[in-house]
C-alpha atoms as a PDB file:
ATOM      1  CA  MET A   1     -83.127 199.795 -91.065  1.00  0.00           C
ATOM      2  CA  ALA A   2     -83.570 197.845 -87.846  1.00  0.00           C
ATOM      3  CA  CYS A   3     -82.172 199.067 -84.537  1.00  0.00           C
ATOM      4  CA  ARG A   4     -80.711 197.398 -81.094  1.00  0.00           C
ATOM      5  CA  ILE A   5     -79.576 199.221 -77.497  1.00  0.00           C
ATOM      6  CA  GLY A   6     -77.768 196.958 -75.193  1.00  0.00           C
ATOM      7  CA  MET A   7     -75.510 197.272 -72.514  1.00  0.00           C
ATOM      8  CA  THR A   8     -72.250 196.327 -71.672  1.00  0.00           C
ATOM      9  CA  THR A   9     -68.582 196.560 -69.706  1.00  0.00           C
ATOM     10  CA  ASN A  10     -66.538 196.214 -72.561  1.00  0.00           C
ATOM     11  CA  PRO A  11     -68.112 197.799 -75.997  1.00  0.00           C
ATOM     12  CA  GLU A  12     -65.640 197.024 -78.328  1.00  0.00           C
ATOM     13  CA  GLN A  13     -65.622 193.307 -77.747  1.00  0.00           C
ATOM     14  CA  ARG A  14     -69.722 193.490 -77.684  1.00  0.00           C
ATOM     15  CA  LYS A  15     -69.411 195.188 -81.345  1.00  0.00           C
ATOM     16  CA  ALA A  16     -67.295 192.402 -82.301  1.00  0.00           C
ATOM     17  CA  GLN A  17     -69.963 189.615 -81.259  1.00  0.00           C
ATOM     18  CA  TRP A  18     -72.649 191.498 -82.925  1.00  0.00           C
ATOM     19  CA  LEU A  19     -70.665 191.749 -85.998  1.00  0.00           C
ATOM     20  CA  THR A  20     -70.618 188.309 -85.996  1.00  0.00           C
ATOM     21  CA  LYS A  21     -74.624 188.127 -85.906  1.00  0.00           C
ATOM     22  CA  TYR A  22     -75.096 191.118 -87.715  1.00  0.00           C
ATOM     23  CA  PRO A  23     -72.238 191.449 -90.345  1.00  0.00           C
ATOM     24  CA  SER A  24     -74.361 194.741 -91.534  1.00  0.00           C
ATOM     25  CA  LEU A  25     -74.077 196.223 -88.128  1.00  0.00           C
ATOM     26  CA  VAL A  26     -73.565 200.296 -89.070  1.00  0.00           C
ATOM     27  CA  ASN A  27     -74.099 203.276 -86.911  1.00  0.00           C
ATOM     28  CA  TRP A  28     -72.549 202.105 -83.467  1.00  0.00           C
ATOM     29  CA  LYS A  29     -72.601 204.377 -80.915  1.00  0.00           C
ATOM     30  CA  ILE A  30     -72.150 204.550 -77.288  1.00  0.00           C
ATOM     31  CA  LEU A  31     -75.008 206.901 -75.951  1.00  0.00           C
ATOM     32  CA  LYS A  32     -74.172 206.586 -72.154  1.00  0.00           C
ATOM     33  CA  GLY A  33     -71.599 205.655 -69.765  1.00  0.00           C
ATOM     34  CA  PRO A  34     -69.974 204.954 -67.767  1.00  0.00           C
ATOM     35  CA  ILE A  35     -72.475 204.119 -65.363  1.00  0.00           C
ATOM     36  CA  GLU A  36     -71.453 202.922 -62.117  1.00  0.00           C
ATOM     37  CA  ASP A  37     -74.097 199.743 -61.425  1.00  0.00           C
ATOM     38  CA  LYS A  38     -76.076 197.196 -63.436  1.00  0.00           C
ATOM     39  CA  ALA A  39     -79.378 198.161 -62.020  1.00  0.00           C
ATOM     40  CA  THR A  40     -79.043 201.728 -63.195  1.00  0.00           C
ATOM     41  CA  ALA A  41     -77.760 200.658 -66.485  1.00  0.00           C
ATOM     42  CA  GLN A  42     -80.615 198.564 -66.908  1.00  0.00           C
ATOM     43  CA  VAL A  43     -83.276 201.276 -66.322  1.00  0.00           C
ATOM     44  CA  GLU A  44     -81.496 203.513 -69.013  1.00  0.00           C
ATOM     45  CA  GLU A  45     -81.475 200.712 -71.550  1.00  0.00           C
ATOM     46  CA  ALA A  46     -84.754 199.672 -71.321  1.00  0.00           C
ATOM     47  CA  TYR A  47     -85.852 203.476 -71.088  1.00  0.00           C
ATOM     48  CA  ILE A  48     -83.918 204.271 -74.517  1.00  0.00           C
ATOM     49  CA  SER A  49     -84.960 201.439 -75.977  1.00  0.00           C
ATOM     50  CA  GLN A  50     -88.600 202.358 -75.523  1.00  0.00           C
ATOM     51  CA  LEU A  51     -87.652 205.743 -76.616  1.00  0.00           C
ATOM     52  CA  LEU A  52     -85.956 204.997 -79.786  1.00  0.00           C
ATOM     53  CA  ASP A  53     -88.068 201.830 -80.810  1.00  0.00           C
ATOM     54  CA  CYS A  54     -85.170 199.703 -81.135  1.00  0.00           C
ATOM     55  CA  GLU A  55     -85.066 195.864 -79.819  1.00  0.00           C
ATOM     56  CA  SER A  56     -83.488 195.461 -76.664  1.00  0.00           C
ATOM     57  CA  SER A  57     -83.436 192.485 -74.169  1.00  0.00           C
ATOM     58  CA  PRO A  58     -82.263 192.428 -70.174  1.00  0.00           C
ATOM     59  CA  GLY A  59     -78.949 191.036 -69.165  1.00  0.00           C
ATOM     60  CA  GLY A  60     -75.713 192.492 -70.160  1.00  0.00           C
ATOM     61  CA  ASP A  61     -72.280 191.068 -69.451  1.00  0.00           C
ATOM     62  CA  ASP A  62     -70.311 190.754 -66.533  1.00  0.00           C
ATOM     63  CA  PRO A  63     -73.250 190.494 -64.164  1.00  0.00           C
ATOM     64  CA  ASP A  64     -71.299 189.575 -60.973  1.00  0.00           C
ATOM     65  CA  ASP A  65     -68.673 192.220 -60.961  1.00  0.00           C
ATOM     66  CA  PRO A  66     -69.472 195.027 -58.493  1.00  0.00           C
ATOM     67  CA  PHE A  67     -66.935 197.201 -60.092  1.00  0.00           C
ATOM     68  CA  ALA A  68     -67.619 197.081 -63.543  1.00  0.00           C
ATOM     69  CA  GLN A  69     -68.702 200.205 -65.618  1.00  0.00           C
ATOM     70  CA  TRP A  70     -71.623 200.103 -67.866  1.00  0.00           C
ATOM     71  CA  TYR A  71     -72.344 201.802 -71.303  1.00  0.00           C
ATOM     72  CA  ILE A  72     -75.656 202.143 -73.390  1.00  0.00           C
ATOM     73  CA  TYR A  73     -75.226 201.250 -77.254  1.00  0.00           C
ATOM     74  CA  ARG A  74     -77.537 201.555 -80.199  1.00  0.00           C
ATOM     75  CA  PHE A  75     -76.483 200.031 -83.678  1.00  0.00           C
ATOM     76  CA  GLU A  76     -78.594 199.688 -86.637  1.00  0.00           C
ATOM     77  CA  TYR A  77     -78.441 196.271 -88.969  1.00  0.00           C
END
């Protein structure tokens, strides 16, 4: 089963978005968070995706909110 690692400031909303693309989404888990800044979250996302051999892509939502708290998530599809 394929897996994906990502980062978001709103885990429930992001899960709903992924469900539209991957209706077979299972095993949604928050792996880390809250993380206080996007740069740190981005490093964590890249490290975890490599460690777990899961797909990821740089980005994340709400990139302009300096007060956002970030979460790293994982799911399978």
